[in-house]
Amino acid sequence: MDIILIVIGISLLLAGFIGCVLPVLPGPPLSFLALLTLQLTIWGDFTTRFLWIAAIVAALVTLLDYVVPVWGARRFGGTRGGVWGAAIGLVVGLFFGPVGIILGPFLGAFLGEFAAHADSNKAFKAAFGSFLGLLTGVVLKLIVSGVFTWYFFEEWLV
């Protein structure tokens, strides 16, 4: 049974990393579930305090992921169109590899802002803010999921 739980935990970690760049999957919460899955095995020896802190961090980063892109767009004069464009651009960009992941959110935000304003300078500035906000959220999620992955393997293998 423990081996099945380890396989489930590793699958949750992988899904967590995918969720860091795919807006439809909650990356850090999935990575946190991997820690909980490991806790159910003979190798799991996390303290209750650690698990609570990890849960709070996962929840905060997930909430920030929704707030930071909006803040970035607003800070640079953007609208919801730019934020939605950045999110859609990220999903479309996934099909074009690493370059698409970087350029997709920016182009999506630009097109979303340009459709709303028809002013390319304002759209470019707002797209840049949306892109920075989205990128900040992705980096935060990757860091948290990476730390959770490290704790998972440290606890399991050591």
N, C-alpha and C. Protein backbone atom coordinates (compact mmCIF):
# COMPACT_ATOMS: atom_id res chain seq x y z
N MET A 1 0.82 -1.20 0.00
CA MET A 1 0.00 0.00 0.00
C MET A 1 0.87 1.26 0.00
N ASP A 2 1.99 1.21 0.73
CA ASP A 2 2.87 2.38 0.79
C ASP A 2 3.42 2.74 -0.58
N ILE A 3 3.75 1.74 -1.38
CA ILE A 3 4.29 2.01 -2.72
C ILE A 3 3.24 2.71 -3.58
N ILE A 4 2.00 2.29 -3.47
CA ILE A 4 0.92 2.94 -4.22
C ILE A 4 0.79 4.40 -3.79
N LEU A 5 0.88 4.64 -2.49
CA LEU A 5 0.79 6.02 -2.00
C LEU A 5 1.98 6.86 -2.47
N ILE A 6 3.16 6.25 -2.54
CA ILE A 6 4.33 6.98 -3.06
C ILE A 6 4.12 7.34 -4.53
N VAL A 7 3.60 6.40 -5.31
CA VAL A 7 3.33 6.67 -6.73
C VAL A 7 2.29 7.78 -6.86
N ILE A 8 1.26 7.75 -6.03
CA ILE A 8 0.25 8.81 -6.04
C ILE A 8 0.90 10.14 -5.66
N GLY A 9 1.75 10.11 -4.63
CA GLY A 9 2.43 11.33 -4.20
C GLY A 9 3.31 11.93 -5.29
N ILE A 10 4.08 11.09 -5.95
CA ILE A 10 4.95 11.58 -7.04
C ILE A 10 4.09 12.12 -8.19
N SER A 11 2.97 11.45 -8.47
CA SER A 11 2.06 11.95 -9.51
C SER A 11 1.49 13.31 -9.13
N LEU A 12 1.17 13.48 -7.85
CA LEU A 12 0.67 14.79 -7.39
C LEU A 12 1.75 15.86 -7.50
N LEU A 13 3.01 15.49 -7.21
CA LEU A 13 4.10 16.46 -7.37
C LEU A 13 4.24 16.88 -8.83
N LEU A 14 4.18 15.92 -9.75
CA LEU A 14 4.27 16.26 -11.17
C LEU A 14 3.10 17.13 -11.61
N ALA A 15 1.91 16.77 -11.16
CA ALA A 15 0.73 17.58 -11.48
C ALA A 15 0.87 18.98 -10.86
N GLY A 16 1.49 19.04 -9.69
CA GLY A 16 1.71 20.34 -9.05
C GLY A 16 2.60 21.24 -9.88
N PHE A 17 3.68 20.65 -10.43
CA PHE A 17 4.56 21.46 -11.27
C PHE A 17 3.87 21.88 -12.56
N ILE A 18 3.10 20.99 -13.13
CA ILE A 18 2.34 21.36 -14.33
C ILE A 18 1.34 22.46 -13.99
N GLY A 19 0.74 22.36 -12.80
CA GLY A 19 -0.22 23.37 -12.36
C GLY A 19 0.40 24.73 -12.09
N CYS A 20 1.71 24.76 -11.94
CA CYS A 20 2.37 26.05 -11.74
C CYS A 20 2.35 26.90 -13.00
N VAL A 21 2.30 26.25 -14.17
CA VAL A 21 2.27 27.00 -15.42
C VAL A 21 0.91 26.93 -16.11
N LEU A 22 0.10 25.93 -15.79
CA LEU A 22 -1.24 25.84 -16.34
C LEU A 22 -2.23 26.48 -15.37
N PRO A 23 -2.92 27.51 -15.78
CA PRO A 23 -3.80 28.21 -14.84
C PRO A 23 -4.99 27.39 -14.35
N VAL A 24 -5.31 26.27 -15.00
CA VAL A 24 -6.48 25.49 -14.60
C VAL A 24 -6.19 24.50 -13.47
N LEU A 25 -4.93 24.24 -13.18
CA LEU A 25 -4.56 23.32 -12.10
C LEU A 25 -3.93 24.10 -10.95
N PRO A 26 -4.35 23.80 -9.72
CA PRO A 26 -3.75 24.49 -8.56
C PRO A 26 -2.43 23.83 -8.16
N GLY A 27 -1.31 24.33 -8.65
CA GLY A 27 -0.01 23.71 -8.44
C GLY A 27 0.39 23.47 -7.00
N PRO A 28 0.56 24.51 -6.18
CA PRO A 28 0.98 24.29 -4.80
C PRO A 28 0.03 23.42 -3.97
N PRO A 29 -1.30 23.57 -4.10
CA PRO A 29 -2.15 22.65 -3.34
C PRO A 29 -1.97 21.18 -3.74
N LEU A 30 -1.73 20.92 -5.02
CA LEU A 30 -1.47 19.54 -5.44
C LEU A 30 -0.16 19.04 -4.85
N SER A 31 0.84 19.89 -4.82
CA SER A 31 2.12 19.51 -4.21
C SER A 31 1.95 19.28 -2.71
N PHE A 32 1.11 20.07 -2.07
CA PHE A 32 0.84 19.87 -0.66
C PHE A 32 0.13 18.53 -0.43
N LEU A 33 -0.79 18.18 -1.31
CA LEU A 33 -1.45 16.88 -1.19
C LEU A 33 -0.45 15.74 -1.29
N ALA A 34 0.62 15.93 -2.04
CA ALA A 34 1.67 14.92 -2.12
C ALA A 34 2.32 14.74 -0.74
N LEU A 35 2.53 15.83 -0.03
CA LEU A 35 3.09 15.73 1.32
C LEU A 35 2.14 14.97 2.24
N LEU A 36 0.85 15.26 2.12
CA LEU A 36 -0.13 14.54 2.94
C LEU A 36 -0.16 13.05 2.59
N THR A 37 -0.04 12.75 1.31
CA THR A 37 0.00 11.35 0.88
C THR A 37 1.20 10.64 1.46
N LEU A 38 2.36 11.29 1.44
CA LEU A 38 3.56 10.70 2.02
C LEU A 38 3.38 10.50 3.53
N GLN A 39 2.68 11.41 4.17
CA GLN A 39 2.45 11.31 5.61
C GLN A 39 1.69 10.02 5.97
N LEU A 40 0.90 9.51 5.04
CA LEU A 40 0.14 8.29 5.29
C LEU A 40 0.97 7.01 5.15
N THR A 41 2.21 7.15 4.73
CA THR A 41 3.08 5.98 4.55
C THR A 41 3.97 5.80 5.78
N ILE A 42 4.74 4.72 5.76
CA ILE A 42 5.67 4.48 6.87
C ILE A 42 6.82 5.48 6.87
N TRP A 43 7.04 6.16 5.75
CA TRP A 43 8.13 7.12 5.66
C TRP A 43 7.72 8.51 6.13
N GLY A 44 6.44 8.78 6.17
CA GLY A 44 5.96 10.11 6.53
C GLY A 44 6.13 10.40 8.01
N ASP A 45 6.87 11.44 8.30
CA ASP A 45 7.10 11.82 9.69
C ASP A 45 7.12 13.33 9.84
N PHE A 46 6.23 14.00 9.08
CA PHE A 46 6.14 15.45 9.19
C PHE A 46 5.42 15.80 10.48
N THR A 47 5.80 16.93 11.06
CA THR A 47 5.09 17.38 12.26
C THR A 47 3.78 18.03 11.84
N THR A 48 2.87 18.07 12.77
CA THR A 48 1.59 18.72 12.51
C THR A 48 1.80 20.20 12.20
N ARG A 49 2.72 20.80 12.92
CA ARG A 49 3.03 22.21 12.69
C ARG A 49 3.53 22.44 11.26
N PHE A 50 4.44 21.59 10.79
CA PHE A 50 4.97 21.71 9.44
C PHE A 50 3.84 21.60 8.41
N LEU A 51 2.96 20.63 8.60
CA LEU A 51 1.87 20.43 7.64
C LEU A 51 0.91 21.62 7.64
N TRP A 52 0.64 22.21 8.79
CA TRP A 52 -0.21 23.39 8.84
C TRP A 52 0.45 24.57 8.12
N ILE A 53 1.72 24.75 8.39
CA ILE A 53 2.45 25.86 7.73
C ILE A 53 2.46 25.65 6.22
N ALA A 54 2.73 24.42 5.79
CA ALA A 54 2.74 24.12 4.35
C ALA A 54 1.37 24.36 3.73
N ALA A 55 0.31 24.00 4.45
CA ALA A 55 -1.05 24.22 3.94
C ALA A 55 -1.34 25.71 3.79
N ILE A 56 -0.93 26.48 4.78
CA ILE A 56 -1.16 27.93 4.74
C ILE A 56 -0.36 28.57 3.60
N VAL A 57 0.89 28.14 3.44
CA VAL A 57 1.72 28.67 2.35
C VAL A 57 1.10 28.32 1.00
N ALA A 58 0.65 27.09 0.83
CA ALA A 58 0.03 26.68 -0.43
C ALA A 58 -1.22 27.52 -0.71
N ALA A 59 -2.02 27.75 0.31
CA ALA A 59 -3.24 28.55 0.13
C ALA A 59 -2.90 30.01 -0.20
N LEU A 60 -1.92 30.58 0.52
CA LEU A 60 -1.55 31.97 0.27
C LEU A 60 -0.99 32.18 -1.13
N VAL A 61 -0.11 31.28 -1.55
CA VAL A 61 0.47 31.42 -2.89
C VAL A 61 -0.61 31.26 -3.96
N THR A 62 -1.55 30.37 -3.72
CA THR A 62 -2.65 30.19 -4.68
C THR A 62 -3.50 31.45 -4.75
N LEU A 63 -3.79 32.05 -3.61
CA LEU A 63 -4.55 33.31 -3.61
C LEU A 63 -3.76 34.43 -4.27
N LEU A 64 -2.47 34.52 -3.95
CA LEU A 64 -1.63 35.55 -4.56
C LEU A 64 -1.57 35.40 -6.07
N ASP A 65 -1.66 34.17 -6.54
CA ASP A 65 -1.60 33.93 -7.98
C ASP A 65 -2.76 34.61 -8.70
N TYR A 66 -3.87 34.81 -8.01
CA TYR A 66 -5.00 35.51 -8.62
C TYR A 66 -4.88 37.01 -8.45
N VAL A 67 -4.20 37.45 -7.41
CA VAL A 67 -4.11 38.87 -7.10
C VAL A 67 -2.95 39.55 -7.83
N VAL A 68 -1.80 38.90 -7.90
CA VAL A 68 -0.59 39.53 -8.44
C VAL A 68 -0.75 39.93 -9.91
N PRO A 69 -1.30 39.08 -10.80
CA PRO A 69 -1.45 39.54 -12.19
C PRO A 69 -2.38 40.74 -12.32
N VAL A 70 -3.44 40.76 -11.53
CA VAL A 70 -4.36 41.90 -11.58
C VAL A 70 -3.64 43.15 -11.07
N TRP A 71 -2.89 42.99 -9.99
CA TRP A 71 -2.13 44.12 -9.44
C TRP A 71 -1.13 44.63 -10.48
N GLY A 72 -0.41 43.72 -11.13
CA GLY A 72 0.57 44.13 -12.15
C GLY A 72 -0.10 44.86 -13.30
N ALA A 73 -1.23 44.35 -13.75
CA ALA A 73 -1.94 45.00 -14.85
C ALA A 73 -2.44 46.38 -14.43
N ARG A 74 -3.03 46.44 -13.25
CA ARG A 74 -3.56 47.73 -12.77
C ARG A 74 -2.43 48.74 -12.55
N ARG A 75 -1.32 48.26 -12.04
CA ARG A 75 -0.17 49.14 -11.76
C ARG A 75 0.34 49.79 -13.05
N PHE A 76 0.23 49.05 -14.15
CA PHE A 76 0.70 49.57 -15.43
C PHE A 76 -0.46 50.06 -16.30
N GLY A 77 -1.64 50.27 -15.70
CA GLY A 77 -2.76 50.85 -16.43
C GLY A 77 -3.61 49.86 -17.19
N GLY A 78 -3.56 48.60 -16.83
CA GLY A 78 -4.30 47.57 -17.56
C GLY A 78 -5.71 47.34 -17.05
N THR A 79 -6.40 46.48 -17.77
CA THR A 79 -7.78 46.13 -17.44
C THR A 79 -7.89 44.61 -17.32
N ARG A 80 -9.10 44.16 -17.06
CA ARG A 80 -9.35 42.71 -16.99
C ARG A 80 -9.02 42.04 -18.33
N GLY A 81 -9.24 42.75 -19.41
CA GLY A 81 -8.95 42.20 -20.74
C GLY A 81 -7.49 41.78 -20.86
N GLY A 82 -6.60 42.57 -20.31
CA GLY A 82 -5.18 42.24 -20.35
C GLY A 82 -4.86 41.03 -19.49
N VAL A 83 -5.49 40.94 -18.32
CA VAL A 83 -5.25 39.79 -17.44
C VAL A 83 -5.77 38.51 -18.07
N TRP A 84 -6.99 38.57 -18.61
CA TRP A 84 -7.55 37.39 -19.28
C TRP A 84 -6.73 37.03 -20.51
N GLY A 85 -6.30 38.03 -21.25
CA GLY A 85 -5.47 37.78 -22.42
C GLY A 85 -4.16 37.10 -22.05
N ALA A 86 -3.56 37.53 -20.93
CA ALA A 86 -2.32 36.91 -20.47
C ALA A 86 -2.54 35.46 -20.08
N ALA A 87 -3.64 35.17 -19.40
CA ALA A 87 -3.94 33.79 -18.99
C ALA A 87 -4.19 32.90 -20.20
N ILE A 88 -4.96 33.40 -21.15
CA ILE A 88 -5.24 32.63 -22.37
C ILE A 88 -3.96 32.47 -23.18
N GLY A 89 -3.16 33.53 -23.24
CA GLY A 89 -1.89 33.45 -23.95
C GLY A 89 -0.95 32.42 -23.34
N LEU A 90 -0.99 32.27 -22.02
CA LEU A 90 -0.17 31.26 -21.37
C LEU A 90 -0.59 29.86 -21.79
N VAL A 91 -1.89 29.61 -21.82
CA VAL A 91 -2.39 28.28 -22.21
C VAL A 91 -2.03 27.99 -23.66
N VAL A 92 -2.25 28.94 -24.55
CA VAL A 92 -1.90 28.75 -25.96
C VAL A 92 -0.39 28.61 -26.11
N GLY A 93 0.36 29.40 -25.35
CA GLY A 93 1.82 29.35 -25.44
C GLY A 93 2.41 28.02 -25.03
N LEU A 94 1.70 27.26 -24.20
CA LEU A 94 2.19 25.94 -23.78
C LEU A 94 2.42 25.01 -24.97
N PHE A 95 1.67 25.20 -26.03
CA PHE A 95 1.81 24.36 -27.22
C PHE A 95 3.03 24.73 -28.05
N PHE A 96 3.70 25.81 -27.69
CA PHE A 96 4.85 26.27 -28.45
C PHE A 96 6.15 26.21 -27.64
N GLY A 97 6.13 25.43 -26.58
CA GLY A 97 7.34 25.21 -25.80
C GLY A 97 7.71 26.40 -24.92
N PRO A 98 8.97 26.44 -24.48
CA PRO A 98 9.41 27.50 -23.57
C PRO A 98 9.23 28.92 -24.12
N VAL A 99 9.47 29.08 -25.41
CA VAL A 99 9.29 30.41 -26.01
C VAL A 99 7.82 30.81 -25.95
N GLY A 100 6.93 29.87 -26.20
CA GLY A 100 5.50 30.15 -26.13
C GLY A 100 5.04 30.49 -24.73
N ILE A 101 5.64 29.82 -23.73
CA ILE A 101 5.28 30.10 -22.35
C ILE A 101 5.67 31.51 -21.95
N ILE A 102 6.76 32.01 -22.53
CA ILE A 102 7.21 33.37 -22.23
C ILE A 102 6.46 34.40 -23.07
N LEU A 103 6.34 34.15 -24.36
CA LEU A 103 5.71 35.13 -25.25
C LEU A 103 4.18 35.09 -25.21
N GLY A 104 3.60 33.91 -24.96
CA GLY A 104 2.15 33.76 -24.97
C GLY A 104 1.43 34.72 -24.04
N PRO A 105 1.82 34.79 -22.75
CA PRO A 105 1.12 35.71 -21.85
C PRO A 105 1.26 37.18 -22.27
N PHE A 106 2.44 37.53 -22.74
CA PHE A 106 2.65 38.92 -23.15
C PHE A 106 1.78 39.27 -24.36
N LEU A 107 1.82 38.40 -25.38
CA LEU A 107 1.03 38.67 -26.58
C LEU A 107 -0.47 38.64 -26.28
N GLY A 108 -0.88 37.69 -25.43
CA GLY A 108 -2.29 37.62 -25.05
C GLY A 108 -2.73 38.89 -24.32
N ALA A 109 -1.90 39.35 -23.39
CA ALA A 109 -2.23 40.57 -22.65
C ALA A 109 -2.27 41.77 -23.59
N PHE A 110 -1.32 41.83 -24.51
CA PHE A 110 -1.30 42.94 -25.47
C PHE A 110 -2.57 42.95 -26.31
N LEU A 111 -2.94 41.79 -26.84
CA LEU A 111 -4.14 41.72 -27.67
C LEU A 111 -5.40 42.05 -26.87
N GLY A 112 -5.46 41.57 -25.63
CA GLY A 112 -6.60 41.88 -24.76
C GLY A 112 -6.70 43.37 -24.48
N GLU A 113 -5.57 44.00 -24.20
CA GLU A 113 -5.57 45.44 -23.94
C GLU A 113 -5.81 46.25 -25.21
N PHE A 114 -5.23 45.81 -26.32
CA PHE A 114 -5.40 46.53 -27.57
C PHE A 114 -6.85 46.50 -28.02
N ALA A 115 -7.52 45.36 -27.80
CA ALA A 115 -8.94 45.26 -28.15
C ALA A 115 -9.77 46.24 -27.31
N ALA A 116 -9.36 46.47 -26.08
CA ALA A 116 -10.11 47.36 -25.20
C ALA A 116 -9.79 48.83 -25.45
N HIS A 117 -8.54 49.15 -25.78
CA HIS A 117 -8.12 50.55 -25.87
C HIS A 117 -7.83 51.05 -27.29
N ALA A 118 -7.38 50.17 -28.16
CA ALA A 118 -6.96 50.52 -29.52
C ALA A 118 -5.81 51.53 -29.52
N ASP A 119 -5.10 51.61 -28.41
CA ASP A 119 -3.92 52.45 -28.31
C ASP A 119 -2.74 51.53 -28.02
N SER A 120 -1.86 51.38 -28.99
CA SER A 120 -0.80 50.37 -28.86
C SER A 120 0.17 50.68 -27.73
N ASN A 121 0.46 51.94 -27.48
CA ASN A 121 1.37 52.28 -26.37
C ASN A 121 0.77 51.90 -25.01
N LYS A 122 -0.49 52.26 -24.81
CA LYS A 122 -1.15 51.92 -23.56
C LYS A 122 -1.31 50.40 -23.43
N ALA A 123 -1.65 49.76 -24.54
CA ALA A 123 -1.80 48.30 -24.53
C ALA A 123 -0.47 47.61 -24.23
N PHE A 124 0.62 48.13 -24.79
CA PHE A 124 1.94 47.54 -24.54
C PHE A 124 2.33 47.68 -23.07
N LYS A 125 2.11 48.84 -22.52
CA LYS A 125 2.45 49.07 -21.11
C LYS A 125 1.62 48.19 -20.19
N ALA A 126 0.32 48.11 -20.44
CA ALA A 126 -0.55 47.26 -19.62
C ALA A 126 -0.22 45.79 -19.81
N ALA A 127 0.11 45.40 -21.04
CA ALA A 127 0.49 44.01 -21.31
C ALA A 127 1.75 43.65 -20.56
N PHE A 128 2.68 44.58 -20.50
CA PHE A 128 3.92 44.33 -19.76
C PHE A 128 3.61 44.13 -18.27
N GLY A 129 2.72 44.93 -17.71
CA GLY A 129 2.32 44.77 -16.31
C GLY A 129 1.63 43.45 -16.06
N SER A 130 0.72 43.06 -16.96
CA SER A 130 0.04 41.78 -16.83
C SER A 130 1.03 40.63 -16.92
N PHE A 131 1.94 40.74 -17.85
CA PHE A 131 2.95 39.71 -18.05
C PHE A 131 3.84 39.58 -16.81
N LEU A 132 4.28 40.70 -16.26
CA LEU A 132 5.11 40.65 -15.05
C LEU A 132 4.35 40.04 -13.87
N GLY A 133 3.09 40.41 -13.73
CA GLY A 133 2.28 39.85 -12.66
C GLY A 133 2.08 38.36 -12.82
N LEU A 134 1.79 37.93 -14.03
CA LEU A 134 1.59 36.51 -14.30
C LEU A 134 2.89 35.74 -14.07
N LEU A 135 3.98 36.28 -14.55
CA LEU A 135 5.28 35.63 -14.39
C LEU A 135 5.66 35.55 -12.91
N THR A 136 5.37 36.58 -12.15
CA THR A 136 5.65 36.58 -10.71
C THR A 136 4.85 35.47 -10.02
N GLY A 137 3.59 35.34 -10.38
CA GLY A 137 2.76 34.28 -9.81
C GLY A 137 3.28 32.90 -10.14
N VAL A 138 3.69 32.70 -11.38
CA VAL A 138 4.23 31.40 -11.80
C VAL A 138 5.52 31.08 -11.03
N VAL A 139 6.39 32.06 -10.90
CA VAL A 139 7.66 31.84 -10.18
C VAL A 139 7.39 31.51 -8.71
N LEU A 140 6.48 32.23 -8.08
CA LEU A 140 6.13 31.94 -6.68
C LEU A 140 5.61 30.51 -6.53
N LYS A 141 4.72 30.11 -7.45
CA LYS A 141 4.17 28.75 -7.38
C LYS A 141 5.26 27.71 -7.61
N LEU A 142 6.17 27.96 -8.55
CA LEU A 142 7.26 27.02 -8.80
C LEU A 142 8.17 26.88 -7.59
N ILE A 143 8.44 27.98 -6.92
CA ILE A 143 9.29 27.94 -5.72
C ILE A 143 8.63 27.09 -4.64
N VAL A 144 7.36 27.35 -4.38
CA VAL A 144 6.66 26.61 -3.32
C VAL A 144 6.56 25.13 -3.68
N SER A 145 6.19 24.83 -4.90
CA SER A 145 6.10 23.42 -5.31
C SER A 145 7.48 22.75 -5.27
N GLY A 146 8.50 23.50 -5.63
CA GLY A 146 9.86 22.95 -5.55
C GLY A 146 10.27 22.64 -4.12
N VAL A 147 9.94 23.53 -3.20
CA VAL A 147 10.26 23.29 -1.78
C VAL A 147 9.48 22.08 -1.26
N PHE A 148 8.21 22.00 -1.62
CA PHE A 148 7.42 20.84 -1.19
C PHE A 148 8.00 19.55 -1.77
N THR A 149 8.45 19.59 -3.01
CA THR A 149 9.05 18.40 -3.64
C THR A 149 10.33 18.01 -2.91
N TRP A 150 11.12 18.99 -2.54
CA TRP A 150 12.35 18.71 -1.81
C TRP A 150 12.04 18.03 -0.48
N TYR A 151 11.07 18.57 0.25
CA TYR A 151 10.69 17.96 1.53
C TYR A 151 10.14 16.54 1.34
N PHE A 152 9.37 16.34 0.28
CA PHE A 152 8.82 15.02 -0.01
C PHE A 152 9.94 14.00 -0.17
N PHE A 153 10.90 14.32 -1.05
CA PHE A 153 11.97 13.36 -1.32
C PHE A 153 12.96 13.26 -0.16
N GLU A 154 13.16 14.33 0.56
CA GLU A 154 14.04 14.26 1.73
C GLU A 154 13.43 13.34 2.79
N GLU A 155 12.15 13.47 3.00
CA GLU A 155 11.48 12.64 4.00
C GLU A 155 11.42 11.18 3.56
N TRP A 156 11.16 10.96 2.27
CA TRP A 156 11.00 9.61 1.77
C TRP A 156 12.33 8.87 1.66
N LEU A 157 13.34 9.53 1.15
CA LEU A 157 14.60 8.85 0.84
C LEU A 157 15.64 8.90 1.95
N VAL A 158 15.47 9.79 2.91
CA VAL A 158 16.49 9.90 3.96
C VAL A 158 16.05 9.23 5.23
